Amino acid sequence: MVLIRIFSILMLSLLAALPARALETRASSAWVYDLTSGVVLFDKAADQPLPPASMSKLMTVNMLFEALRDGRLDMSTQLRVSTRAEAMGGSTMFLDRRDRPTVEQLIQGIIVQSGNDACVVVAEGIAGTENAFAQMMNQRAQALGMHNSHFANASGWPDPEHVMSTHDLGILATRLITEFPEFYHFFAQARFEFDGRAPQNSRNRNPLLGLGIGADGLKTGHTQEAGYGLVGSAVQGDRRVVFVITGLSSAEDRAQEAERVVNWAFRQFVQRKVVTAGQRVAAAEVFLGKADSVDLVAADDVNLLVPALQQDGIAGKAIYTTPLRAPVTAGTEVGRLVISLDGLPDHSVPLVTATNVAEGGFRMRLSAAAGVILSRITGE
């Protein structure tokens, strides 16, 4: 028989107050993710494919980081600048065909200067042509679970077939942070200029860098069709938040909205230990054992992201099968502890037996057998 026991976990460390305030945003699409806990804090039209503008350069950067990791390129590799790359408009590194920029310079040119020309150089250096590189991007995106993205080029240059969702951009940003920590510092670089060219275009466009709120990446984007957007990340204490906003009407709106999202994510939620490993949650009956029951305890600590001002404790369910048949071995998983918070995903951890329970003696087994026979005769 499966039992479900409802209980309340007391949150003695939390102060009584109001629950988390919902986020309101002017962005047409947004996605906010607490990377530390793996919890999506906010989702607004996050799976809708939209023009990503230069934010899609993050996929080009990902392809470049993968090539570095598997040895196809190294930081000192020099790449050729084609006529096509030289002719790129918009934001550039101001490359010409005589240049042979290194991979390290191109990384900085893409991330800091948002260089469209640098993206073409990387695409041609890896795949031969930009079209071939775009196909590689599409195949890789599908493998990474980015199912609402399609790439037509390496730079985010406007194209009706070049789209990404804010959720996919968040998946990509999370990957760049977690899979390539050795390269992530480039996203916080404040300035870069290639060979002393165009110092006026040398500043990182991320408006959150230097504000003292823990922001350290990733990429802005803007076209007339896409509006103003930002893929960002910030760290405060032990927590990291990744967020994507797009469809803002100006660079100023983008900066204000991005800062507001970061402040909301860190001020409305906190990481708390709500259950300690070994904490008693329930007790299960034991059949034919020397003891009638055994305590069930949480197998692991449960650290959850909770509304910062959670008031009343947290609802939970202990789901387990009973009775257990002796002998029972300590540490055996016999159920799950499921903890629920309004507006956040359920969290589940194993419930395990706290102690051993040996089989009962002959008289106990005889008595139990007699009880079973009697119940069958009486129907009780």
Protein backbone atom coordinates (compact mmCIF):
# COMPACT_ATOMS: atom_id res chain seq x y z
CA MET A 1 0.00 0.00 0.00
CA VAL A 2 1.30 3.47 -0.90
CA LEU A 3 0.88 6.15 1.75
CA ILE A 4 1.07 9.90 1.18
CA ARG A 5 1.74 11.92 4.28
CA ILE A 6 1.26 15.69 4.14
CA PHE A 7 3.40 17.72 6.48
CA SER A 8 4.88 21.17 7.00
CA ILE A 9 8.60 21.90 7.15
CA LEU A 10 9.20 24.70 9.63
CA MET A 11 11.36 27.49 8.27
CA LEU A 12 12.70 28.94 11.50
CA SER A 13 15.34 31.00 9.71
CA LEU A 14 12.83 32.92 7.57
CA LEU A 15 11.08 36.07 8.67
CA ALA A 16 7.32 36.47 8.41
CA ALA A 17 6.36 38.65 5.46
CA LEU A 18 4.87 38.55 1.97
CA PRO A 19 5.61 36.01 -0.79
CA ALA A 20 7.76 36.83 -3.83
CA ARG A 21 6.52 39.69 -5.96
CA ALA A 22 5.82 38.71 -9.56
CA LEU A 23 8.06 40.22 -12.22
CA GLU A 24 6.53 42.66 -14.66
CA THR A 25 8.61 43.51 -17.72
CA ARG A 26 8.35 45.66 -20.82
CA ALA A 27 10.31 43.08 -22.79
CA SER A 28 8.29 41.28 -25.47
CA SER A 29 9.97 38.01 -24.46
CA ALA A 30 12.00 37.13 -21.37
CA TRP A 31 13.51 34.18 -19.51
CA VAL A 32 15.07 34.30 -16.04
CA TYR A 33 16.92 31.30 -14.61
CA ASP A 34 18.61 30.63 -11.29
CA LEU A 35 21.56 28.56 -12.48
CA THR A 36 22.62 27.56 -8.96
CA SER A 37 19.34 25.82 -8.14
CA GLY A 38 18.26 24.99 -11.70
CA VAL A 39 14.95 26.84 -11.26
CA VAL A 40 13.28 28.96 -13.96
CA LEU A 41 12.12 32.08 -12.13
CA PHE A 42 10.26 33.75 -14.99
CA ASP A 43 9.09 32.94 -18.50
CA LYS A 44 7.35 35.33 -20.89
CA ALA A 45 6.82 33.98 -24.43
CA ALA A 46 10.21 32.34 -23.92
CA ASP A 47 9.75 29.64 -26.58
CA GLN A 48 8.66 32.00 -29.35
CA PRO A 49 11.24 32.19 -32.20
CA LEU A 50 12.23 35.83 -32.68
CA PRO A 51 14.95 37.80 -34.47
CA PRO A 52 17.92 37.58 -32.07
CA ALA A 53 20.18 40.22 -33.67
CA SER A 54 23.73 40.07 -32.31
CA MET A 55 22.73 37.93 -29.35
CA SER A 56 22.99 34.97 -31.75
CA LYS A 57 26.73 35.65 -31.94
CA LEU A 58 26.83 33.57 -28.76
CA MET A 59 26.28 30.50 -30.94
CA THR A 60 29.26 31.45 -33.09
CA VAL A 61 31.29 31.87 -29.91
CA ASN A 62 30.13 28.45 -28.72
CA MET A 63 31.23 26.83 -31.98
CA LEU A 64 34.60 28.57 -31.64
CA PHE A 65 35.04 27.45 -28.01
CA GLU A 66 34.25 23.86 -29.03
CA ALA A 67 36.88 24.05 -31.78
CA LEU A 68 39.40 25.27 -29.21
CA ARG A 69 38.52 22.52 -26.77
CA ASP A 70 38.91 19.68 -29.26
CA GLY A 71 42.12 21.05 -30.73
CA ARG A 72 40.98 22.13 -34.20
CA LEU A 73 42.16 25.64 -33.30
CA ASP A 74 44.24 27.26 -30.59
CA MET A 75 44.37 30.81 -29.30
CA SER A 76 47.35 31.72 -31.48
CA THR A 77 45.87 30.34 -34.71
CA GLN A 78 45.70 33.08 -37.35
CA LEU A 79 42.71 33.16 -39.68
CA ARG A 80 42.33 34.70 -43.12
CA VAL A 81 40.10 37.72 -43.74
CA SER A 82 38.08 37.30 -46.93
CA THR A 83 36.56 39.94 -49.16
CA ARG A 84 33.17 39.01 -47.75
CA ALA A 85 34.37 39.51 -44.18
CA GLU A 86 36.00 42.85 -45.03
CA ALA A 87 32.77 44.08 -46.61
CA MET A 88 30.55 43.41 -43.58
CA GLY A 89 28.73 46.44 -42.25
CA GLY A 90 27.28 47.26 -38.86
CA SER A 91 29.49 46.65 -35.83
CA THR A 92 32.97 45.49 -36.88
CA MET A 93 36.59 45.04 -35.84
CA PHE A 94 37.53 47.04 -38.97
CA LEU A 95 39.41 44.10 -40.47
CA ASP A 96 40.84 44.15 -43.99
CA ARG A 97 42.16 41.43 -46.27
CA ARG A 98 45.77 42.03 -45.25
CA ASP A 99 45.00 41.13 -41.62
CA ARG A 100 45.57 37.74 -40.04
CA PRO A 101 43.86 38.07 -36.63
CA THR A 102 44.43 35.37 -34.04
CA VAL A 103 41.58 33.36 -32.56
CA GLU A 104 42.07 35.19 -29.26
CA GLN A 105 41.70 38.55 -31.00
CA LEU A 106 38.61 37.34 -32.84
CA ILE A 107 36.98 36.16 -29.60
CA GLN A 108 37.44 39.64 -28.16
CA GLY A 109 36.31 41.24 -31.40
CA ILE A 110 33.05 39.28 -31.34
CA ILE A 111 32.30 39.59 -27.64
CA VAL A 112 33.46 43.14 -26.92
CA GLN A 113 33.06 44.87 -30.29
CA SER A 114 30.24 42.68 -31.64
CA GLY A 115 32.24 42.38 -34.83
CA ASN A 116 30.22 41.09 -37.77
CA ASP A 117 33.43 40.81 -39.79
CA ALA A 118 35.03 38.71 -37.02
CA CYS A 119 32.06 36.32 -37.12
CA VAL A 120 32.51 35.76 -40.86
CA VAL A 121 36.24 35.15 -40.37
CA VAL A 122 35.51 32.53 -37.71
CA ALA A 123 32.77 30.90 -39.81
CA GLU A 124 34.99 30.62 -42.87
CA GLY A 125 37.96 29.51 -40.78
CA ILE A 126 36.01 26.63 -39.25
CA ALA A 127 33.65 25.55 -42.06
CA GLY A 128 35.03 27.07 -45.27
CA THR A 129 31.95 29.19 -45.97
CA GLU A 130 29.45 31.04 -43.82
CA ASN A 131 26.59 29.00 -45.26
CA ALA A 132 28.30 25.76 -44.27
CA PHE A 133 28.96 27.18 -40.81
CA ALA A 134 25.28 28.11 -40.42
CA GLN A 135 24.34 24.49 -41.13
CA MET A 136 26.81 23.37 -38.47
CA MET A 137 25.20 25.82 -36.06
CA ASN A 138 21.75 24.40 -36.80
CA GLN A 139 22.86 20.82 -36.25
CA ARG A 140 24.60 21.72 -33.01
CA ALA A 141 21.62 23.73 -31.77
CA GLN A 142 19.34 20.72 -32.16
CA ALA A 143 21.79 18.52 -30.30
CA LEU A 144 21.87 21.05 -27.44
CA GLY A 145 18.07 21.12 -27.14
CA MET A 146 17.67 24.54 -28.76
CA HIS A 147 14.59 23.57 -30.76
CA ASN A 148 13.27 27.07 -31.43
CA SER A 149 16.39 28.35 -33.19
CA HIS A 150 17.44 28.48 -36.82
CA PHE A 151 20.60 30.16 -38.08
CA ALA A 152 21.11 31.69 -41.51
CA ASN A 153 24.46 33.34 -40.77
CA ALA A 154 27.17 33.68 -38.14
CA SER A 155 26.58 37.26 -37.06
CA GLY A 156 22.86 37.74 -36.51
CA TRP A 157 22.60 39.89 -39.62
CA PRO A 158 18.84 40.36 -40.31
CA ASP A 159 17.37 37.42 -42.21
CA PRO A 160 13.78 36.11 -42.02
CA GLU A 161 15.10 32.60 -41.43
CA HIS A 162 17.45 33.62 -38.62
CA VAL A 163 15.56 33.23 -35.32
CA MET A 164 16.07 32.19 -31.71
CA SER A 165 13.84 32.03 -28.64
CA THR A 166 14.86 33.66 -25.38
CA HIS A 167 14.75 30.20 -23.78
CA ASP A 168 17.24 28.90 -26.36
CA LEU A 169 19.48 31.90 -25.76
CA GLY A 170 19.33 31.08 -22.06
CA ILE A 171 20.28 27.45 -22.71
CA LEU A 172 23.22 28.69 -24.77
CA ALA A 173 24.34 31.22 -22.16
CA THR A 174 24.17 28.59 -19.43
CA ARG A 175 26.32 26.29 -21.55
CA LEU A 176 28.96 28.98 -22.15
CA ILE A 177 29.17 29.65 -18.41
CA THR A 178 29.27 26.05 -17.22
CA GLU A 179 31.12 24.28 -20.04
CA PHE A 180 33.78 26.87 -20.85
CA PRO A 181 34.80 28.57 -17.59
CA GLU A 182 38.33 29.00 -18.94
CA PHE A 183 37.03 31.39 -21.60
CA TYR A 184 34.18 33.07 -19.77
CA HIS A 185 36.28 36.00 -18.54
CA PHE A 186 36.18 37.50 -22.04
CA PHE A 187 32.51 38.40 -21.51
CA ALA A 188 33.42 40.80 -18.70
CA GLN A 189 36.18 42.52 -20.69
CA ALA A 190 35.42 46.23 -20.78
CA ARG A 191 37.36 47.29 -23.90
CA PHE A 192 39.13 45.88 -26.92
CA GLU A 193 40.45 47.40 -30.11
CA PHE A 194 42.27 45.58 -32.88
CA ASP A 195 45.59 47.14 -33.92
CA GLY A 196 44.58 50.53 -32.48
CA ARG A 197 41.65 50.88 -34.88
CA ALA A 198 38.43 52.73 -34.09
CA PRO A 199 38.86 53.30 -30.35
CA GLN A 200 35.33 54.74 -30.31
CA ASN A 201 34.06 51.23 -31.03
CA SER A 202 36.16 49.52 -28.38
CA ARG A 203 33.74 49.54 -25.44
CA ASN A 204 31.73 46.50 -24.34
CA ARG A 205 28.05 47.34 -24.91
CA ASN A 206 26.77 45.36 -21.90
CA PRO A 207 25.20 48.13 -19.76
CA LEU A 208 25.41 46.14 -16.51
CA LEU A 209 29.18 45.74 -16.36
CA GLY A 210 30.68 47.92 -13.68
CA LEU A 211 27.42 48.61 -11.83
CA GLY A 212 28.47 46.57 -8.80
CA ILE A 213 25.58 44.09 -9.06
CA GLY A 214 27.73 41.07 -10.00
CA ALA A 215 27.12 41.23 -13.76
CA ASP A 216 29.87 39.55 -15.80
CA GLY A 217 28.43 38.76 -19.27
CA LEU A 218 27.16 37.96 -21.92
CA LYS A 219 25.90 39.78 -25.09
CA THR A 220 23.70 42.63 -26.29
CA GLY A 221 21.78 42.76 -29.54
CA HIS A 222 19.88 45.31 -31.59
CA THR A 223 18.25 45.58 -34.98
CA GLN A 224 15.16 47.53 -36.04
CA GLU A 225 13.16 44.32 -36.27
CA ALA A 226 14.41 42.73 -33.04
CA GLY A 227 14.48 45.82 -30.86
CA TYR A 228 17.03 45.99 -28.04
CA GLY A 229 17.94 42.83 -26.17
CA LEU A 230 20.44 41.40 -23.73
CA VAL A 231 21.59 37.97 -22.66
CA GLY A 232 23.03 38.56 -19.22
CA SER A 233 24.37 36.87 -16.12
CA ALA A 234 25.21 38.02 -12.63
CA VAL A 235 26.60 36.49 -9.43
CA GLN A 236 25.75 37.54 -5.90
CA GLY A 237 26.96 35.43 -3.02
CA ASP A 238 26.60 31.75 -3.88
CA ARG A 239 23.97 32.31 -6.56
CA ARG A 240 24.25 32.91 -10.30
CA VAL A 241 21.33 34.13 -12.40
CA VAL A 242 21.08 33.97 -16.20
CA PHE A 243 18.49 36.04 -17.99
CA VAL A 244 17.40 37.03 -21.50
CA ILE A 245 15.25 40.01 -22.46
CA THR A 246 14.38 41.27 -25.92
CA GLY A 247 12.06 43.62 -27.77
CA LEU A 248 12.89 46.77 -25.78
CA SER A 249 12.44 50.12 -27.52
CA SER A 250 15.79 51.75 -26.69
CA ALA A 251 19.23 51.12 -25.26
CA GLU A 252 18.19 53.03 -22.15
CA ASP A 253 15.11 50.85 -21.67
CA ARG A 254 17.30 47.76 -22.11
CA ALA A 255 19.73 48.93 -19.44
CA GLN A 256 16.98 49.80 -16.97
CA GLU A 257 15.04 46.60 -17.55
CA ALA A 258 18.13 44.39 -17.29
CA GLU A 259 19.17 45.94 -13.98
CA ARG A 260 15.62 45.58 -12.68
CA VAL A 261 15.53 41.87 -13.63
CA VAL A 262 18.81 41.20 -11.80
CA ASN A 263 17.66 43.02 -8.68
CA TRP A 264 14.31 41.17 -8.73
CA ALA A 265 15.93 37.74 -9.10
CA PHE A 266 18.30 38.25 -6.17
CA ARG A 267 16.00 40.16 -3.83
CA GLN A 268 12.83 38.12 -4.23
CA PHE A 269 14.42 34.68 -3.81
CA VAL A 270 17.00 33.16 -1.48
CA GLN A 271 18.69 29.76 -1.20
CA ARG A 272 17.74 27.98 2.02
CA LYS A 273 18.30 24.55 3.58
CA VAL A 274 14.77 23.32 4.28
CA VAL A 275 15.55 19.69 5.16
CA THR A 276 18.72 18.17 6.61
CA ALA A 277 20.02 14.78 5.56
CA GLY A 278 18.92 12.24 8.15
CA GLN A 279 15.94 14.33 9.28
CA ARG A 280 12.94 12.13 10.23
CA VAL A 281 10.02 12.63 7.89
CA ALA A 282 7.76 9.63 8.45
CA ALA A 283 7.63 6.08 9.79
CA ALA A 284 6.71 2.94 7.83
CA GLU A 285 5.19 -0.19 9.32
CA VAL A 286 7.37 -3.31 9.17
CA PHE A 287 5.89 -6.77 8.63
CA LEU A 288 7.45 -9.75 10.43
CA GLY A 289 10.18 -7.63 11.98
CA LYS A 290 11.62 -7.34 15.48
CA ALA A 291 10.31 -3.75 15.42
CA ASP A 292 6.84 -2.72 14.30
CA SER A 293 8.07 0.29 12.32
CA VAL A 294 11.13 2.08 11.01
CA ASP A 295 11.80 5.80 10.66
CA LEU A 296 12.11 7.25 7.16
CA VAL A 297 14.61 10.06 6.73
CA ALA A 298 15.71 12.37 3.92
CA ALA A 299 18.68 10.89 2.09
CA ASP A 300 20.22 14.28 1.33
CA ASP A 301 20.14 17.89 2.41
CA VAL A 302 17.42 19.79 0.58
CA ASN A 303 18.58 23.27 -0.41
CA LEU A 304 15.84 25.15 -2.24
CA LEU A 305 15.32 28.51 -3.80
CA VAL A 306 12.41 30.02 -1.88
CA PRO A 307 10.65 33.38 -1.80
CA ALA A 308 12.87 35.56 0.38
CA LEU A 309 10.03 36.47 2.69
CA GLN A 310 8.26 33.11 2.82
CA GLN A 311 5.88 33.26 5.76
CA ASP A 312 4.26 29.99 6.71
CA GLY A 313 6.66 27.11 6.17
CA ILE A 314 6.71 24.82 3.17
CA ALA A 315 4.27 22.11 2.17
CA GLY A 316 5.64 18.65 1.54
CA LYS A 317 4.53 15.09 0.84
CA ALA A 318 6.16 11.88 1.98
CA ILE A 319 5.22 9.18 -0.52
CA TYR A 320 6.19 5.66 0.47
CA THR A 321 5.06 2.03 0.41
CA THR A 322 3.98 0.25 3.57
CA PRO A 323 4.32 -2.22 5.18
CA LEU A 324 7.94 -3.06 4.55
CA ARG A 325 8.86 -6.72 4.87
CA ALA A 326 11.63 -7.60 7.30
CA PRO A 327 14.57 -7.71 7.20
CA VAL A 328 15.01 -3.99 6.49
CA THR A 329 18.47 -2.56 5.77
CA ALA A 330 19.33 0.98 6.85
CA GLY A 331 19.68 3.39 3.91
CA THR A 332 17.24 1.54 1.63
CA GLU A 333 15.21 3.88 -0.56
CA VAL A 334 11.52 3.23 0.01
CA GLY A 335 9.85 6.45 -1.12
CA ARG A 336 10.22 10.10 -2.09
CA LEU A 337 9.99 13.38 -0.26
CA VAL A 338 8.28 15.95 -2.52
CA ILE A 339 8.40 19.63 -1.55
CA SER A 340 6.19 22.21 -3.25
CA LEU A 341 6.38 26.00 -3.50
CA ASP A 342 3.85 28.24 -5.21
CA GLY A 343 5.09 29.27 -8.63
CA LEU A 344 8.23 27.11 -8.51
CA PRO A 345 8.86 23.50 -9.58
CA ASP A 346 8.43 20.65 -7.09
CA HIS A 347 11.62 19.24 -5.61
CA SER A 348 11.98 15.54 -4.85
CA VAL A 349 14.59 13.61 -2.84
CA PRO A 350 14.77 9.95 -1.77
CA LEU A 351 13.32 8.77 1.53
CA VAL A 352 15.45 6.04 3.09
CA THR A 353 15.17 3.80 6.11
CA ALA A 354 17.00 5.12 9.16
CA THR A 355 17.93 1.82 10.83
CA ASN A 356 18.13 -1.92 10.31
CA VAL A 357 15.15 -4.04 11.33
CA ALA A 358 15.86 -7.75 11.70
CA GLU A 359 13.35 -10.51 11.10
CA GLY A 360 11.22 -11.43 14.07
CA GLY A 361 11.52 -14.81 15.80
CA PHE A 362 9.44 -17.93 15.17
CA ARG A 363 6.69 -16.93 17.59
CA MET A 364 6.30 -13.50 15.92
CA ARG A 365 6.03 -15.06 12.46
CA LEU A 366 3.53 -17.63 13.76
CA SER A 367 1.46 -14.89 15.36
CA ALA A 368 1.51 -12.81 12.15
CA ALA A 369 0.44 -15.84 10.09
CA ALA A 370 -2.42 -16.50 12.47
CA GLY A 371 -3.49 -12.90 12.19
CA VAL A 372 -3.57 -13.09 8.40
CA ILE A 373 -5.65 -16.31 8.50
CA LEU A 374 -8.07 -14.75 10.98
CA SER A 375 -8.51 -11.63 8.88
CA ARG A 376 -9.34 -13.73 5.84
CA ILE A 377 -11.94 -15.73 7.79
CA THR A 378 -13.60 -12.68 9.34
CA GLY A 379 -13.17 -10.48 6.29
CA GLU A 380 -11.73 -7.72 8.40
